[in-house]
Amino acid sequence: MNFRTLILVISLVFSLLLAGMNYYYERHLPTLIFISVIGFVLSFSLLNYVFQKFVYERIKAVYKLIHNLKLGKELKDALGDHKSDDPIGDAEREVRDWAKQKTTEINQLKAQEKFRKEFLSNISHEFKTPLFAIQGYIETLQDGMIEENPEMAASFLKKASRNLDRLSYLIHDLDEIAKLESGQIVLNKEKFDIQTLVKETIDDLEDKANTANIKLNFNTKGNNPIYVRGDRKKIQQVLVNLIDNSIKYGNRGGQTQIKTIPLIDQILIEITDNGQGIEEKNLPRVFERFFRADKSRSREVGGSGLGLAIVKHIIEAHQQNVHVRSTEGIGTTFSFTIEKA
C-alpha cells in the first residue's frame, strides 16, 4: 500500500465518521451527503499536503541520496533527480541492501585488519631472527674471539653471512611483491615452448634435488613442443618456486612429478610431491605472505615465506589461475594455467 492509498482510506474513514455523527443528531440526508463530501475533500487535501510536505519529499530525498551514493556518485552530485512512484518502498529496499553491503564491508575490513596484524607480526619475526643472529655473532667477534679462536670466528662469520643472505632474499621478495601489486612490473609476453622451460628449470634444481635425495620426474608424451604465451622469465620464476617447494617439503627419498596437460585454450602445469601434505583448513591460506603450514619445518628449510605469494601474483598478472590440493600423509599438488600460443 503506497502513501496515496493510505491517505484515501483515512479520508474515507474520516468522512464516514462525520456522516455517522450527522445522521445520529439530525438524520437529514442532503446535509449528510454535503458533510461527507466536504469532510472527504478537506481531509484528503490536508493529509496529502502534510504527507507531501513533511514525509514524502523528505523520504524521496533520502532515497535519492542513498541510491546515487550506491552508484558511486560524488556527494555533491548524489542529490540529482530520480523518478519513483513508490519512494518509501524504494527507500526501504535501498536501506536494506545498503545495510547488507556495509555489513559485508565491515566483515571484510575486520578480516583485513586481522591479516594486517598477522602480516606485521610475521614480517617482524622474519626480520628479527636473522638480525639478532648477526648481532650475536658480531658481538662475540668483537669480544676477542678472532684472536682467541680463529676457526670458531670464521664459522661465526659464515653464519652471519648466511643470515645476511636471508635478509637480502626477504627484502628482494618484498620489493617484488610490492611492484607486482602496484603494476610497476610490466610483463614481456612472448611465444615460447613450455616443455623446454620446464626441462631447463629441472636442470637448474637437479643438484638441490639430489642433495635432498628427491627425484624430479617430468612426464611428457613425446618431445613435441607446446607453445604458450607469457613472460618467460616470470613463468620460470613460478616453476622454480613450486619445484623448489616440492624439494623442501617432500619426503627424503621421494619424488616430484611435473606434468603439462593441454586444455582447450590453456596449458595446465602440475607439480606434485609425496611429502607430508597440508591440512585442509590451511589450504585457503597457503598463498598468503609469510603463512607457514608447518612453522618448525619451514624454519629448518629456510626461505623468505613469500614464494607462493609471488607465484600467485605472477599467475594472476597473466590473468590465469593457480590452485593447490593436498592430502595429509600423501602429498601436495600445485597447478597453474598459462595461455596457449
C-alpha atoms as a PDB file:
ATOM      1  CA  MET A   1       0.000   0.000   0.000  1.00  0.00           C
ATOM      2  CA  ASN A   2       1.522   3.347  -1.067  1.00  0.00           C
ATOM      3  CA  PHE A   3       1.036   6.588   0.802  1.00  0.00           C
ATOM      4  CA  ARG A   4      -1.737   7.929  -1.546  1.00  0.00           C
ATOM      5  CA  THR A   5      -3.868   4.853  -0.949  1.00  0.00           C
ATOM      6  CA  LEU A   6      -3.323   5.268   2.777  1.00  0.00           C
ATOM      7  CA  ILE A   7      -4.465   8.916   2.631  1.00  0.00           C
ATOM      8  CA  LEU A   8      -7.535   7.907   0.624  1.00  0.00           C
ATOM      9  CA  VAL A   9      -8.507   5.267   3.199  1.00  0.00           C
ATOM     10  CA  ILE A  10      -8.008   7.669   6.128  1.00  0.00           C
ATOM     11  CA  SER A  11     -10.103  10.370   4.367  1.00  0.00           C
ATOM     12  CA  LEU A  12     -12.908   7.906   3.670  1.00  0.00           C
ATOM     13  CA  VAL A  13     -12.945   6.760   7.282  1.00  0.00           C
ATOM     14  CA  PHE A  14     -12.988  10.374   8.479  1.00  0.00           C
ATOM     15  CA  SER A  15     -15.864  11.339   6.137  1.00  0.00           C
ATOM     16  CA  LEU A  16     -17.845   8.267   7.234  1.00  0.00           C
ATOM     17  CA  LEU A  17     -17.358   9.225  10.875  1.00  0.00           C
ATOM     18  CA  LEU A  18     -18.676  12.753  10.160  1.00  0.00           C
ATOM     19  CA  ALA A  19     -21.622  11.311   8.280  1.00  0.00           C
ATOM     20  CA  GLY A  20     -22.379   8.941  11.113  1.00  0.00           C
ATOM     21  CA  MET A  21     -22.334  11.738  13.665  1.00  0.00           C
ATOM     22  CA  ASN A  22     -24.619  13.906  11.466  1.00  0.00           C
ATOM     23  CA  TYR A  23     -27.036  11.050  10.933  1.00  0.00           C
ATOM     24  CA  TYR A  24     -27.150  10.388  14.674  1.00  0.00           C
ATOM     25  CA  TYR A  25     -28.049  14.017  15.528  1.00  0.00           C
ATOM     26  CA  GLU A  26     -30.016  15.351  12.515  1.00  0.00           C
ATOM     27  CA  ARG A  27     -30.940  12.452  10.211  1.00  0.00           C
ATOM     28  CA  HIS A  28     -31.077  14.957   7.274  1.00  0.00           C
ATOM     29  CA  LEU A  29     -29.920  13.273   4.018  1.00  0.00           C
ATOM     30  CA  PRO A  30     -28.786  16.372   1.999  1.00  0.00           C
ATOM     31  CA  THR A  31     -26.782  17.638   4.969  1.00  0.00           C
ATOM     32  CA  LEU A  32     -25.370  14.133   5.477  1.00  0.00           C
ATOM     33  CA  ILE A  33     -24.123  13.972   1.871  1.00  0.00           C
ATOM     34  CA  PHE A  34     -22.737  17.513   1.945  1.00  0.00           C
ATOM     35  CA  ILE A  35     -20.814  16.958   5.176  1.00  0.00           C
ATOM     36  CA  SER A  36     -19.452  13.621   3.913  1.00  0.00           C
ATOM     37  CA  VAL A  37     -18.168  15.133   0.656  1.00  0.00           C
ATOM     38  CA  ILE A  38     -16.738  18.247   2.337  1.00  0.00           C
ATOM     39  CA  GLY A  39     -15.112  16.108   5.067  1.00  0.00           C
ATOM     40  CA  PHE A  40     -13.573  13.764   2.499  1.00  0.00           C
ATOM     41  CA  VAL A  41     -12.207  16.580   0.324  1.00  0.00           C
ATOM     42  CA  LEU A  42     -10.829  18.590   3.237  1.00  0.00           C
ATOM     43  CA  SER A  43      -9.258  15.593   4.993  1.00  0.00           C
ATOM     44  CA  PHE A  44      -7.755  14.239   1.767  1.00  0.00           C
ATOM     45  CA  SER A  45      -6.311  17.634   0.806  1.00  0.00           C
ATOM     46  CA  LEU A  46      -4.931  18.285   4.280  1.00  0.00           C
ATOM     47  CA  LEU A  47      -3.403  14.817   4.721  1.00  0.00           C
ATOM     48  CA  ASN A  48      -1.981  14.877   1.200  1.00  0.00           C
ATOM     49  CA  TYR A  49      -0.336  18.253   1.852  1.00  0.00           C
ATOM     50  CA  VAL A  50       1.090  17.113   5.193  1.00  0.00           C
ATOM     51  CA  PHE A  51       2.448  13.870   3.745  1.00  0.00           C
ATOM     52  CA  GLN A  52       3.870  15.634   0.696  1.00  0.00           C
ATOM     53  CA  LYS A  53       5.479  18.404   2.723  1.00  0.00           C
ATOM     54  CA  PHE A  54       6.803  16.570   5.765  1.00  0.00           C
ATOM     55  CA  VAL A  55       7.073  12.883   4.791  1.00  0.00           C
ATOM     56  CA  TYR A  56       7.077  12.156   1.054  1.00  0.00           C
ATOM     57  CA  GLU A  57       9.584  14.792  -0.066  1.00  0.00           C
ATOM     58  CA  ARG A  58      11.994  14.035   2.766  1.00  0.00           C
ATOM     59  CA  ILE A  59      11.878  10.284   2.204  1.00  0.00           C
ATOM     60  CA  LYS A  60      12.255  10.886  -1.528  1.00  0.00           C
ATOM     61  CA  ALA A  61      15.362  12.987  -0.876  1.00  0.00           C
ATOM     62  CA  VAL A  62      16.825  10.278   1.401  1.00  0.00           C
ATOM     63  CA  TYR A  63      16.109   7.645  -1.227  1.00  0.00           C
ATOM     64  CA  LYS A  64      17.774   9.686  -3.985  1.00  0.00           C
ATOM     65  CA  LEU A  65      20.812  10.232  -1.787  1.00  0.00           C
ATOM     66  CA  ILE A  66      21.177   6.526  -0.918  1.00  0.00           C
ATOM     67  CA  HIS A  67      20.526   5.404  -4.492  1.00  0.00           C
ATOM     68  CA  ASN A  68      23.024   7.788  -6.063  1.00  0.00           C
ATOM     69  CA  LEU A  69      25.709   7.163  -3.452  1.00  0.00           C
ATOM     70  CA  LYS A  70      25.388   3.443  -4.131  1.00  0.00           C
ATOM     71  CA  LEU A  71      26.018   4.202  -7.805  1.00  0.00           C
ATOM     72  CA  GLY A  72      29.322   5.731  -6.747  1.00  0.00           C
ATOM     73  CA  LYS A  73      28.456   9.382  -7.402  1.00  0.00           C
ATOM     74  CA  GLU A  74      30.158  12.180  -5.534  1.00  0.00           C
ATOM     75  CA  LEU A  75      28.213  13.654  -2.622  1.00  0.00           C
ATOM     76  CA  LYS A  76      27.660  16.967  -4.468  1.00  0.00           C
ATOM     77  CA  ASP A  77      26.054  15.051  -7.389  1.00  0.00           C
ATOM     78  CA  ALA A  78      24.193  12.499  -5.311  1.00  0.00           C
ATOM     79  CA  LEU A  79      21.017  14.580  -4.912  1.00  0.00           C
ATOM     80  CA  GLY A  80      20.214  14.574  -8.620  1.00  0.00           C
ATOM     81  CA  ASP A  81      16.646  13.964  -9.758  1.00  0.00           C
ATOM     82  CA  HIS A  82      15.364  10.390  -9.567  1.00  0.00           C
ATOM     83  CA  LYS A  83      11.778   9.499 -10.506  1.00  0.00           C
ATOM     84  CA  SER A  84       9.943   6.901  -8.456  1.00  0.00           C
ATOM     85  CA  ASP A  85       6.294   6.031  -7.882  1.00  0.00           C
ATOM     86  CA  ASP A  86       6.987   4.468  -4.513  1.00  0.00           C
ATOM     87  CA  PRO A  87       9.931   6.235  -2.844  1.00  0.00           C
ATOM     88  CA  ILE A  88       9.064   4.881   0.608  1.00  0.00           C
ATOM     89  CA  GLY A  89       9.235   1.270  -0.554  1.00  0.00           C
ATOM     90  CA  ASP A  90      12.292   2.029  -2.663  1.00  0.00           C
ATOM     91  CA  ALA A  91      13.980   3.709   0.293  1.00  0.00           C
ATOM     92  CA  GLU A  92      13.281   0.690   2.490  1.00  0.00           C
ATOM     93  CA  ARG A  93      14.775  -1.675  -0.090  1.00  0.00           C
ATOM     94  CA  GLU A  94      17.767   0.577  -0.644  1.00  0.00           C
ATOM     95  CA  VAL A  95      18.421   0.858   3.094  1.00  0.00           C
ATOM     96  CA  ARG A  96      18.215  -2.937   3.498  1.00  0.00           C
ATOM     97  CA  ASP A  97      20.575  -3.501   0.562  1.00  0.00           C
ATOM     98  CA  TRP A  98      22.928  -0.828   1.837  1.00  0.00           C
ATOM     99  CA  ALA A  99      22.906  -2.338   5.324  1.00  0.00           C
ATOM    100  CA  LYS A 100      23.827  -5.742   3.882  1.00  0.00           C
ATOM    101  CA  GLN A 101      26.576  -4.163   1.786  1.00  0.00           C
ATOM    102  CA  LYS A 102      28.004  -2.271   4.759  1.00  0.00           C
ATOM    103  CA  THR A 103      27.867  -5.397   6.923  1.00  0.00           C
ATOM    104  CA  THR A 104      29.857  -7.262   4.259  1.00  0.00           C
ATOM    105  CA  GLU A 105      32.343  -4.388   4.019  1.00  0.00           C
ATOM    106  CA  ILE A 106      32.754  -4.290   7.809  1.00  0.00           C
ATOM    107  CA  ASN A 107      33.410  -8.042   7.903  1.00  0.00           C
ATOM    108  CA  GLN A 108      35.967  -7.657   5.103  1.00  0.00           C
ATOM    109  CA  LEU A 109      37.656  -4.803   6.965  1.00  0.00           C
ATOM    110  CA  LYS A 110      37.829  -6.941  10.120  1.00  0.00           C
ATOM    111  CA  ALA A 111      39.388  -9.781   8.132  1.00  0.00           C
ATOM    112  CA  GLN A 112      41.860  -7.363   6.536  1.00  0.00           C
ATOM    113  CA  GLU A 113      42.729  -5.920   9.930  1.00  0.00           C
ATOM    114  CA  LYS A 114      43.386  -9.425  11.262  1.00  0.00           C
ATOM    115  CA  PHE A 115      45.531 -10.173   8.197  1.00  0.00           C
ATOM    116  CA  ARG A 116      47.414  -6.881   8.638  1.00  0.00           C
ATOM    117  CA  LYS A 117      48.214  -7.692  12.279  1.00  0.00           C
ATOM    118  CA  GLU A 118      49.383 -11.201  11.347  1.00  0.00           C
ATOM    119  CA  PHE A 119      51.450  -9.788   8.489  1.00  0.00           C
ATOM    120  CA  LEU A 120      53.164  -7.211  10.723  1.00  0.00           C
ATOM    121  CA  SER A 121      53.821  -9.878  13.344  1.00  0.00           C
ATOM    122  CA  ASN A 122      55.233 -12.263  10.744  1.00  0.00           C
ATOM    123  CA  ILE A 123      57.413  -9.719   8.984  1.00  0.00           C
ATOM    124  CA  SER A 124      58.727  -8.516  12.344  1.00  0.00           C
ATOM    125  CA  HIS A 125      59.677 -12.086  13.235  1.00  0.00           C
ATOM    126  CA  GLU A 126      61.228 -12.732   9.812  1.00  0.00           C
ATOM    127  CA  PHE A 127      63.470  -9.678  10.158  1.00  0.00           C
ATOM    128  CA  LYS A 128      64.299 -10.085  13.848  1.00  0.00           C
ATOM    129  CA  THR A 129      65.508 -13.670  13.616  1.00  0.00           C
ATOM    130  CA  PRO A 130      68.457 -13.075  11.232  1.00  0.00           C
ATOM    131  CA  LEU A 131      69.180  -9.605  12.656  1.00  0.00           C
ATOM    132  CA  PHE A 132      69.522 -10.905  16.213  1.00  0.00           C
ATOM    133  CA  ALA A 133      71.689 -13.797  14.978  1.00  0.00           C
ATOM    134  CA  ILE A 134      74.000 -11.408  13.110  1.00  0.00           C
ATOM    135  CA  GLN A 135      74.139  -9.105  16.123  1.00  0.00           C
ATOM    136  CA  GLY A 136      75.100 -12.016  18.384  1.00  0.00           C
ATOM    137  CA  TYR A 137      77.870 -13.237  16.083  1.00  0.00           C
ATOM    138  CA  ILE A 138      79.345  -9.743  15.657  1.00  0.00           C
ATOM    139  CA  GLU A 139      79.279  -9.023  19.401  1.00  0.00           C
ATOM    140  CA  THR A 140      81.052 -12.312  20.080  1.00  0.00           C
ATOM    141  CA  LEU A 141      83.704 -11.498  17.482  1.00  0.00           C
ATOM    142  CA  GLN A 142      84.146  -8.035  18.972  1.00  0.00           C
ATOM    143  CA  ASP A 143      84.799  -9.572  22.371  1.00  0.00           C
ATOM    144  CA  GLY A 144      88.071 -11.016  21.088  1.00  0.00           C
ATOM    145  CA  MET A 145      87.128 -14.359  19.526  1.00  0.00           C
ATOM    146  CA  ILE A 146      89.087 -13.561  16.343  1.00  0.00           C
ATOM    147  CA  GLU A 147      92.364 -13.696  18.259  1.00  0.00           C
ATOM    148  CA  GLU A 148      91.356 -16.413  20.738  1.00  0.00           C
ATOM    149  CA  ASN A 149      89.764 -18.897  18.341  1.00  0.00           C
ATOM    150  CA  PRO A 150      90.226 -18.055  14.628  1.00  0.00           C
ATOM    151  CA  GLU A 151      88.431 -21.223  13.425  1.00  0.00           C
ATOM    152  CA  MET A 152      85.318 -20.502  15.503  1.00  0.00           C
ATOM    153  CA  ALA A 153      85.447 -16.858  14.392  1.00  0.00           C
ATOM    154  CA  ALA A 154      85.495 -17.963  10.738  1.00  0.00           C
ATOM    155  CA  SER A 155      82.474 -20.211  11.422  1.00  0.00           C
ATOM    156  CA  PHE A 156      80.590 -17.300  13.013  1.00  0.00           C
ATOM    157  CA  LEU A 157      81.366 -15.084  10.030  1.00  0.00           C
ATOM    158  CA  LYS A 158      79.938 -17.709   7.666  1.00  0.00           C
ATOM    159  CA  LYS A 159      76.771 -17.952   9.774  1.00  0.00           C
ATOM    160  CA  ALA A 160      76.442 -14.163   9.832  1.00  0.00           C
ATOM    161  CA  SER A 161      76.865 -14.138   6.045  1.00  0.00           C
ATOM    162  CA  ARG A 162      74.079 -16.715   5.602  1.00  0.00           C
ATOM    163  CA  ASN A 163      71.745 -14.605   7.747  1.00  0.00           C
ATOM    164  CA  LEU A 164      72.612 -11.550   5.667  1.00  0.00           C
ATOM    165  CA  ASP A 165      71.712 -13.538   2.558  1.00  0.00           C
ATOM    166  CA  ARG A 166      68.388 -14.425   4.169  1.00  0.00           C
ATOM    167  CA  LEU A 167      67.702 -10.745   4.837  1.00  0.00           C
ATOM    168  CA  SER A 168      68.628  -9.918   1.257  1.00  0.00           C
ATOM    169  CA  TYR A 169      66.231 -12.557  -0.120  1.00  0.00           C
ATOM    170  CA  LEU A 170      63.475 -11.283   2.149  1.00  0.00           C
ATOM    171  CA  ILE A 171      63.887  -7.659   1.079  1.00  0.00           C
ATOM    172  CA  HIS A 172      64.114  -8.643  -2.601  1.00  0.00           C
ATOM    173  CA  ASP A 173      60.917 -10.726  -2.412  1.00  0.00           C
ATOM    174  CA  LEU A 174      59.031  -7.980  -0.533  1.00  0.00           C
ATOM    175  CA  ASP A 175      60.117  -5.463  -3.148  1.00  0.00           C
ATOM    176  CA  GLU A 176      59.000  -7.780  -5.954  1.00  0.00           C
ATOM    177  CA  ILE A 177      55.557  -8.323  -4.399  1.00  0.00           C
ATOM    178  CA  ALA A 178      55.127  -4.566  -3.938  1.00  0.00           C
ATOM    179  CA  LYS A 179      56.000  -3.986  -7.608  1.00  0.00           C
ATOM    180  CA  LEU A 180      53.668  -6.759  -8.782  1.00  0.00           C
ATOM    181  CA  GLU A 181      50.769  -5.376  -6.717  1.00  0.00           C
ATOM    182  CA  SER A 182      51.332  -1.810  -7.924  1.00  0.00           C
ATOM    183  CA  GLY A 183      51.682  -2.865 -11.554  1.00  0.00           C
ATOM    184  CA  GLN A 184      55.224  -1.478 -11.824  1.00  0.00           C
ATOM    185  CA  ILE A 185      56.468  -4.745 -13.327  1.00  0.00           C
ATOM    186  CA  VAL A 186      55.383  -4.968 -16.961  1.00  0.00           C
ATOM    187  CA  LEU A 187      55.013  -8.466 -18.385  1.00  0.00           C
ATOM    188  CA  ASN A 188      57.065  -9.091 -21.504  1.00  0.00           C
ATOM    189  CA  LYS A 189      54.827 -11.648 -23.170  1.00  0.00           C
ATOM    190  CA  GLU A 190      56.269 -13.821 -25.883  1.00  0.00           C
ATOM    191  CA  LYS A 191      55.717 -17.193 -27.528  1.00  0.00           C
ATOM    192  CA  PHE A 192      57.856 -19.986 -26.061  1.00  0.00           C
ATOM    193  CA  ASP A 193      57.946 -23.749 -25.553  1.00  0.00           C
ATOM    194  CA  ILE A 194      56.804 -24.621 -22.024  1.00  0.00           C
ATOM    195  CA  GLN A 195      58.339 -28.115 -22.322  1.00  0.00           C
ATOM    196  CA  THR A 196      61.809 -26.653 -22.843  1.00  0.00           C
ATOM    197  CA  LEU A 197      61.335 -24.199 -19.974  1.00  0.00           C
ATOM    198  CA  VAL A 198      60.336 -26.982 -17.556  1.00  0.00           C
ATOM    199  CA  LYS A 199      63.393 -29.018 -18.563  1.00  0.00           C
ATOM    200  CA  GLU A 200      65.684 -26.011 -18.033  1.00  0.00           C
ATOM    201  CA  THR A 201      64.214 -25.413 -14.583  1.00  0.00           C
ATOM    202  CA  ILE A 202      64.648 -29.071 -13.626  1.00  0.00           C
ATOM    203  CA  ASP A 203      68.301 -28.915 -14.745  1.00  0.00           C
ATOM    204  CA  ASP A 204      68.850 -25.827 -12.557  1.00  0.00           C
ATOM    205  CA  LEU A 205      67.386 -27.578  -9.494  1.00  0.00           C
ATOM    206  CA  GLU A 206      68.822 -31.047 -10.132  1.00  0.00           C
ATOM    207  CA  ASP A 207      71.732 -30.656  -7.689  1.00  0.00           C
ATOM    208  CA  LYS A 208      69.440 -29.431  -4.909  1.00  0.00           C
ATOM    209  CA  ALA A 209      67.063 -32.344  -5.522  1.00  0.00           C
ATOM    210  CA  ASN A 210      69.937 -34.841  -5.456  1.00  0.00           C
ATOM    211  CA  THR A 211      71.177 -33.399  -2.161  1.00  0.00           C
ATOM    212  CA  ALA A 212      67.692 -33.944  -0.694  1.00  0.00           C
ATOM    213  CA  ASN A 213      67.558 -37.424  -2.317  1.00  0.00           C
ATOM    214  CA  ILE A 214      64.456 -36.449  -4.304  1.00  0.00           C
ATOM    215  CA  LYS A 215      63.928 -37.457  -7.931  1.00  0.00           C
ATOM    216  CA  LEU A 216      62.435 -34.941 -10.360  1.00  0.00           C
ATOM    217  CA  ASN A 217      60.237 -36.644 -12.976  1.00  0.00           C
ATOM    218  CA  PHE A 218      58.899 -34.722 -15.951  1.00  0.00           C
ATOM    219  CA  ASN A 219      56.088 -36.677 -17.569  1.00  0.00           C
ATOM    220  CA  THR A 220      55.749 -35.799 -21.255  1.00  0.00           C
ATOM    221  CA  LYS A 221      54.062 -37.534 -24.167  1.00  0.00           C
ATOM    222  CA  GLY A 222      56.777 -37.359 -26.778  1.00  0.00           C
ATOM    223  CA  ASN A 223      59.153 -34.482 -27.274  1.00  0.00           C
ATOM    224  CA  ASN A 224      56.826 -32.280 -29.299  1.00  0.00           C
ATOM    225  CA  PRO A 225      56.977 -28.622 -28.215  1.00  0.00           C
ATOM    226  CA  ILE A 226      53.966 -26.996 -26.533  1.00  0.00           C
ATOM    227  CA  TYR A 227      53.888 -23.298 -27.297  1.00  0.00           C
ATOM    228  CA  VAL A 228      52.400 -20.861 -24.814  1.00  0.00           C
ATOM    229  CA  ARG A 229      52.275 -17.078 -24.472  1.00  0.00           C
ATOM    230  CA  GLY A 230      53.545 -15.290 -21.374  1.00  0.00           C
ATOM    231  CA  ASP A 231      56.518 -13.705 -19.682  1.00  0.00           C
ATOM    232  CA  ARG A 232      59.108 -16.479 -19.959  1.00  0.00           C
ATOM    233  CA  LYS A 233      61.281 -15.256 -17.056  1.00  0.00           C
ATOM    234  CA  LYS A 234      58.298 -14.820 -14.739  1.00  0.00           C
ATOM    235  CA  ILE A 235      56.866 -18.240 -15.583  1.00  0.00           C
ATOM    236  CA  GLN A 236      60.292 -19.751 -14.926  1.00  0.00           C
ATOM    237  CA  GLN A 237      60.262 -17.996 -11.537  1.00  0.00           C
ATOM    238  CA  VAL A 238      56.905 -19.665 -10.827  1.00  0.00           C
ATOM    239  CA  LEU A 239      58.310 -23.068 -11.799  1.00  0.00           C
ATOM    240  CA  VAL A 240      61.430 -22.553  -9.670  1.00  0.00           C
ATOM    241  CA  ASN A 241      59.389 -21.595  -6.606  1.00  0.00           C
ATOM    242  CA  LEU A 242      56.958 -24.512  -6.936  1.00  0.00           C
ATOM    243  CA  ILE A 243      59.570 -27.195  -7.718  1.00  0.00           C
ATOM    244  CA  ASP A 244      61.863 -25.814  -5.015  1.00  0.00           C
ATOM    245  CA  ASN A 245      58.951 -26.047  -2.558  1.00  0.00           C
ATOM    246  CA  SER A 246      58.365 -29.675  -3.529  1.00  0.00           C
ATOM    247  CA  ILE A 247      62.034 -30.400  -2.782  1.00  0.00           C
ATOM    248  CA  LYS A 248      61.933 -28.595   0.561  1.00  0.00           C
ATOM    249  CA  TYR A 249      58.763 -30.258   1.824  1.00  0.00           C
ATOM    250  CA  GLY A 250      58.931 -33.626   0.052  1.00  0.00           C
ATOM    251  CA  ASN A 251      59.927 -36.808   1.812  1.00  0.00           C
ATOM    252  CA  ARG A 252      63.594 -37.750   1.611  1.00  0.00           C
ATOM    253  CA  GLY A 253      63.973 -40.492  -0.953  1.00  0.00           C
ATOM    254  CA  GLY A 254      60.741 -39.405  -2.610  1.00  0.00           C
ATOM    255  CA  GLN A 255      59.973 -37.820  -5.934  1.00  0.00           C
ATOM    256  CA  THR A 256      58.365 -34.782  -7.581  1.00  0.00           C
ATOM    257  CA  GLN A 257      56.188 -35.252 -10.637  1.00  0.00           C
ATOM    258  CA  ILE A 258      55.853 -32.407 -13.170  1.00  0.00           C
ATOM    259  CA  LYS A 259      53.164 -32.614 -15.845  1.00  0.00           C
ATOM    260  CA  THR A 260      51.979 -30.411 -18.719  1.00  0.00           C
ATOM    261  CA  ILE A 261      48.342 -31.054 -19.622  1.00  0.00           C
ATOM    262  CA  PRO A 262      46.763 -29.453 -22.745  1.00  0.00           C
ATOM    263  CA  LEU A 263      43.329 -27.910 -22.217  1.00  0.00           C
ATOM    264  CA  ILE A 264      41.138 -26.061 -24.739  1.00  0.00           C
ATOM    265  CA  ASP A 265      42.795 -22.619 -24.713  1.00  0.00           C
ATOM    266  CA  GLN A 266      45.340 -23.198 -21.967  1.00  0.00           C
ATOM    267  CA  ILE A 267      48.096 -25.475 -20.744  1.00  0.00           C
ATOM    268  CA  LEU A 268      47.849 -26.817 -17.195  1.00  0.00           C
ATOM    269  CA  ILE A 269      51.144 -27.380 -15.355  1.00  0.00           C
ATOM    270  CA  GLU A 270      51.095 -29.601 -12.259  1.00  0.00           C
ATOM    271  CA  ILE A 271      53.878 -30.092  -9.682  1.00  0.00           C
ATOM    272  CA  THR A 272      53.176 -32.952  -7.270  1.00  0.00           C
ATOM    273  CA  ASP A 273      55.284 -34.080  -4.300  1.00  0.00           C
ATOM    274  CA  ASN A 274      54.845 -37.024  -1.926  1.00  0.00           C
ATOM    275  CA  GLY A 275      55.534 -35.065   1.262  1.00  0.00           C
ATOM    276  CA  GLN A 276      53.545 -34.752   4.458  1.00  0.00           C
ATOM    277  CA  GLY A 277      50.821 -32.684   2.811  1.00  0.00           C
ATOM    278  CA  ILE A 278      48.906 -29.690   4.134  1.00  0.00           C
ATOM    279  CA  GLU A 279      45.944 -29.686   6.496  1.00  0.00           C
ATOM    280  CA  GLU A 280      42.689 -28.922   4.709  1.00  0.00           C
ATOM    281  CA  LYS A 281      41.976 -25.915   6.963  1.00  0.00           C
ATOM    282  CA  ASN A 282      45.287 -24.336   5.871  1.00  0.00           C
ATOM    283  CA  LEU A 283      44.822 -24.759   2.112  1.00  0.00           C
ATOM    284  CA  PRO A 284      42.991 -21.419   1.570  1.00  0.00           C
ATOM    285  CA  ARG A 285      45.901 -19.567   3.213  1.00  0.00           C
ATOM    286  CA  VAL A 286      48.947 -21.108   1.564  1.00  0.00           C
ATOM    287  CA  PHE A 287      49.309 -18.181  -0.874  1.00  0.00           C
ATOM    288  CA  GLU A 288      49.315 -15.589   1.908  1.00  0.00           C
ATOM    289  CA  ARG A 289      52.554 -13.760   2.617  1.00  0.00           C
ATOM    290  CA  PHE A 290      54.597 -15.434   5.378  1.00  0.00           C
ATOM    291  CA  PHE A 291      51.962 -18.093   6.027  1.00  0.00           C
ATOM    292  CA  ARG A 292      53.632 -21.371   7.013  1.00  0.00           C
ATOM    293  CA  ALA A 293      51.588 -24.547   7.459  1.00  0.00           C
ATOM    294  CA  ASP A 294      54.467 -26.241   9.314  1.00  0.00           C
ATOM    295  CA  LYS A 295      56.416 -23.487  11.059  1.00  0.00           C
ATOM    296  CA  SER A 296      59.080 -25.724  12.564  1.00  0.00           C
ATOM    297  CA  ARG A 297      59.831 -27.377   9.212  1.00  0.00           C
ATOM    298  CA  SER A 298      59.737 -24.020   7.433  1.00  0.00           C
ATOM    299  CA  ARG A 299      62.383 -22.558   9.725  1.00  0.00           C
ATOM    300  CA  GLU A 300      64.532 -25.623   9.083  1.00  0.00           C
ATOM    301  CA  VAL A 301      64.367 -25.430   5.264  1.00  0.00           C
ATOM    302  CA  GLY A 302      64.632 -21.628   5.166  1.00  0.00           C
ATOM    303  CA  GLY A 303      63.222 -19.275   2.556  1.00  0.00           C
ATOM    304  CA  SER A 304      61.531 -15.913   2.842  1.00  0.00           C
ATOM    305  CA  GLY A 305      57.978 -17.246   3.197  1.00  0.00           C
ATOM    306  CA  LEU A 306      56.946 -15.146   0.182  1.00  0.00           C
ATOM    307  CA  GLY A 307      57.491 -17.619  -2.670  1.00  0.00           C
ATOM    308  CA  LEU A 308      53.885 -18.772  -3.033  1.00  0.00           C
ATOM    309  CA  ALA A 309      52.577 -15.220  -2.707  1.00  0.00           C
ATOM    310  CA  ILE A 310      54.853 -14.211  -5.592  1.00  0.00           C
ATOM    311  CA  VAL A 311      53.634 -17.219  -7.615  1.00  0.00           C
ATOM    312  CA  LYS A 312      50.018 -16.134  -7.127  1.00  0.00           C
ATOM    313  CA  HIS A 313      50.741 -12.547  -8.163  1.00  0.00           C
ATOM    314  CA  ILE A 314      52.623 -13.576 -11.306  1.00  0.00           C
ATOM    315  CA  ILE A 315      49.931 -16.026 -12.461  1.00  0.00           C
ATOM    316  CA  GLU A 316      47.117 -13.559 -11.760  1.00  0.00           C
ATOM    317  CA  ALA A 317      49.074 -10.864 -13.650  1.00  0.00           C
ATOM    318  CA  HIS A 318      48.848 -13.253 -16.628  1.00  0.00           C
ATOM    319  CA  GLN A 319      45.076 -13.449 -15.963  1.00  0.00           C
ATOM    320  CA  GLN A 320      45.397 -17.156 -15.244  1.00  0.00           C
ATOM    321  CA  ASN A 321      44.669 -19.368 -12.227  1.00  0.00           C
ATOM    322  CA  VAL A 322      46.789 -21.136  -9.623  1.00  0.00           C
ATOM    323  CA  HIS A 323      45.451 -23.882  -7.339  1.00  0.00           C
ATOM    324  CA  VAL A 324      46.575 -26.239  -4.614  1.00  0.00           C
ATOM    325  CA  ARG A 325      45.214 -29.567  -3.444  1.00  0.00           C
ATOM    326  CA  SER A 326      46.709 -31.730  -0.747  1.00  0.00           C
ATOM    327  CA  THR A 327      46.136 -34.835   1.359  1.00  0.00           C
ATOM    328  CA  GLU A 328      47.933 -35.237   4.650  1.00  0.00           C
ATOM    329  CA  GLY A 329      50.439 -38.084   4.579  1.00  0.00           C
ATOM    330  CA  ILE A 330      50.194 -38.433   0.785  1.00  0.00           C
ATOM    331  CA  GLY A 331      51.406 -35.209  -0.787  1.00  0.00           C
ATOM    332  CA  THR A 332      50.575 -31.866  -2.362  1.00  0.00           C
ATOM    333  CA  THR A 333      49.877 -30.718  -5.911  1.00  0.00           C
ATOM    334  CA  PHE A 334      50.286 -27.146  -7.078  1.00  0.00           C
ATOM    335  CA  SER A 335      48.921 -26.320 -10.514  1.00  0.00           C
ATOM    336  CA  PHE A 336      48.607 -23.262 -12.720  1.00  0.00           C
ATOM    337  CA  THR A 337      47.394 -22.465 -16.194  1.00  0.00           C
ATOM    338  CA  ILE A 338      49.019 -20.480 -18.976  1.00  0.00           C
ATOM    339  CA  GLU A 339      47.586 -19.302 -22.282  1.00  0.00           C
ATOM    340  CA  LYS A 340      48.225 -21.352 -25.399  1.00  0.00           C
ATOM    341  CA  ALA A 341      50.091 -19.506 -28.133  1.00  0.00           C
END
